[in-house]
Amino acid sequence: MRAAAQRVADTASAQGHRVTGGAALPVEVITEPATDRVSATVAIPHPAGVGMEARHGLLKRAAEANGFEVTGLEPGDGG
């Protein structure tokens, strides 16, 4: 799971988006131990992250480029 999440994060980072100050937009993989299942989250831990996702869909595109189906993010579909 972590390896798949890291591939998505690497794909998102490779898109080259930058924050206002010129630094690369940070993309991280976060794993938290759970008792009933393995999980990993790919996140943009920066205030610009929400806007970047809304404008460019960089995490969604990165996930799809790695073979994942992303649902629930379009207006009107419960996302």
C-alpha atoms as a PDB file:
ATOM      1  CA  MET A   1       0.000   0.000   0.000  1.00  0.00           C
ATOM      2  CA  ARG A   2       2.737   2.427   0.960  1.00  0.00           C
ATOM      3  CA  ALA A   3       4.625   1.760  -2.278  1.00  0.00           C
ATOM      4  CA  ALA A   4       1.511   2.479  -4.357  1.00  0.00           C
ATOM      5  CA  ALA A   5       0.880   5.699  -2.421  1.00  0.00           C
ATOM      6  CA  GLN A   6       4.522   6.714  -2.907  1.00  0.00           C
ATOM      7  CA  ARG A   7       4.188   6.211  -6.676  1.00  0.00           C
ATOM      8  CA  VAL A   8       1.161   8.528  -6.687  1.00  0.00           C
ATOM      9  CA  ALA A   9       3.054  11.122  -4.611  1.00  0.00           C
ATOM     10  CA  ASP A  10       6.066  10.909  -6.931  1.00  0.00           C
ATOM     11  CA  THR A  11       3.834  11.347  -9.988  1.00  0.00           C
ATOM     12  CA  ALA A  12       2.154  14.383  -8.413  1.00  0.00           C
ATOM     13  CA  SER A  13       5.514  15.907  -7.462  1.00  0.00           C
ATOM     14  CA  ALA A  14       6.842  15.368 -10.971  1.00  0.00           C
ATOM     15  CA  GLN A  15       4.157  17.731 -12.296  1.00  0.00           C
ATOM     16  CA  GLY A  16       6.394  20.560 -11.076  1.00  0.00           C
ATOM     17  CA  HIS A  17       3.856  22.745  -9.287  1.00  0.00           C
ATOM     18  CA  ARG A  18       5.334  25.438  -7.061  1.00  0.00           C
ATOM     19  CA  VAL A  19       4.049  27.549  -4.201  1.00  0.00           C
ATOM     20  CA  THR A  20       4.114  31.355  -4.312  1.00  0.00           C
ATOM     21  CA  GLY A  21       7.601  31.526  -2.788  1.00  0.00           C
ATOM     22  CA  GLY A  22       8.988  29.322  -5.567  1.00  0.00           C
ATOM     23  CA  ALA A  23       9.508  26.131  -3.550  1.00  0.00           C
ATOM     24  CA  ALA A  24       8.199  22.836  -4.894  1.00  0.00           C
ATOM     25  CA  LEU A  25       4.683  22.031  -3.720  1.00  0.00           C
ATOM     26  CA  PRO A  26       5.130  19.397  -0.989  1.00  0.00           C
ATOM     27  CA  VAL A  27       3.415  16.056  -1.527  1.00  0.00           C
ATOM     28  CA  GLU A  28       3.615  13.497   1.290  1.00  0.00           C
ATOM     29  CA  VAL A  29       2.553   9.947   2.018  1.00  0.00           C
ATOM     30  CA  ILE A  30       1.001   9.532   5.436  1.00  0.00           C
ATOM     31  CA  THR A  31       0.400   6.121   6.964  1.00  0.00           C
ATOM     32  CA  GLU A  32      -1.381   5.513  10.211  1.00  0.00           C
ATOM     33  CA  PRO A  33      -1.663   2.154  11.885  1.00  0.00           C
ATOM     34  CA  ALA A  34      -5.193   0.839  11.894  1.00  0.00           C
ATOM     35  CA  THR A  35      -6.464  -2.258  13.566  1.00  0.00           C
ATOM     36  CA  ASP A  36      -8.767  -3.431  10.778  1.00  0.00           C
ATOM     37  CA  ARG A  37      -7.016  -2.457   7.505  1.00  0.00           C
ATOM     38  CA  VAL A  38      -3.916  -0.976   5.922  1.00  0.00           C
ATOM     39  CA  SER A  39      -4.223   2.539   4.587  1.00  0.00           C
ATOM     40  CA  ALA A  40      -2.104   5.329   3.171  1.00  0.00           C
ATOM     41  CA  THR A  41      -2.951   8.920   2.362  1.00  0.00           C
ATOM     42  CA  VAL A  42      -1.288  11.088  -0.250  1.00  0.00           C
ATOM     43  CA  ALA A  43      -1.583  14.698   0.869  1.00  0.00           C
ATOM     44  CA  ILE A  44      -0.395  18.200   0.096  1.00  0.00           C
ATOM     45  CA  PRO A  45       0.507  19.607   3.540  1.00  0.00           C
ATOM     46  CA  HIS A  46       0.520  23.232   2.417  1.00  0.00           C
ATOM     47  CA  PRO A  47      -2.176  25.931   2.524  1.00  0.00           C
ATOM     48  CA  ALA A  48      -2.099  26.063  -1.289  1.00  0.00           C
ATOM     49  CA  GLY A  49      -2.875  22.341  -1.529  1.00  0.00           C
ATOM     50  CA  VAL A  50      -6.650  22.634  -1.664  1.00  0.00           C
ATOM     51  CA  GLY A  51      -6.494  25.281  -4.362  1.00  0.00           C
ATOM     52  CA  MET A  52      -3.932  23.322  -6.364  1.00  0.00           C
ATOM     53  CA  GLU A  53      -6.131  20.237  -6.264  1.00  0.00           C
ATOM     54  CA  ALA A  54      -9.221  22.246  -7.203  1.00  0.00           C
ATOM     55  CA  ARG A  55      -7.487  24.029 -10.063  1.00  0.00           C
ATOM     56  CA  HIS A  56      -5.169  21.330 -11.426  1.00  0.00           C
ATOM     57  CA  GLY A  57      -6.480  18.061  -9.962  1.00  0.00           C
ATOM     58  CA  LEU A  58      -2.879  17.011  -9.430  1.00  0.00           C
ATOM     59  CA  LEU A  59      -3.545  14.257  -6.879  1.00  0.00           C
ATOM     60  CA  LYS A  60      -6.499  12.922  -8.858  1.00  0.00           C
ATOM     61  CA  ARG A  61      -4.488  12.887 -12.076  1.00  0.00           C
ATOM     62  CA  ALA A  62      -1.506  11.286 -10.344  1.00  0.00           C
ATOM     63  CA  ALA A  63      -3.717   8.549  -8.897  1.00  0.00           C
ATOM     64  CA  GLU A  64      -5.348   7.873 -12.269  1.00  0.00           C
ATOM     65  CA  ALA A  65      -1.934   7.798 -13.973  1.00  0.00           C
ATOM     66  CA  ASN A  66      -1.009   5.001 -11.572  1.00  0.00           C
ATOM     67  CA  GLY A  67      -4.084   2.922 -12.370  1.00  0.00           C
ATOM     68  CA  PHE A  68      -6.440   4.022  -9.584  1.00  0.00           C
ATOM     69  CA  GLU A  69     -10.045   4.959 -10.172  1.00  0.00           C
ATOM     70  CA  VAL A  70     -10.890   8.206  -8.379  1.00  0.00           C
ATOM     71  CA  THR A  71     -14.530   8.876  -7.594  1.00  0.00           C
ATOM     72  CA  GLY A  72     -16.489  11.224  -5.381  1.00  0.00           C
ATOM     73  CA  LEU A  73     -14.725  14.430  -6.347  1.00  0.00           C
ATOM     74  CA  GLU A  74     -17.022  15.835  -8.992  1.00  0.00           C
ATOM     75  CA  PRO A  75     -19.763  18.347  -8.108  1.00  0.00           C
ATOM     76  CA  GLY A  76     -23.061  16.622  -7.476  1.00  0.00           C
ATOM     77  CA  ASP A  77     -21.719  13.113  -6.877  1.00  0.00           C
ATOM     78  CA  GLY A  78     -21.488  13.265  -3.106  1.00  0.00           C
ATOM     79  CA  GLY A  79     -17.791  14.235  -3.003  1.00  0.00           C
END
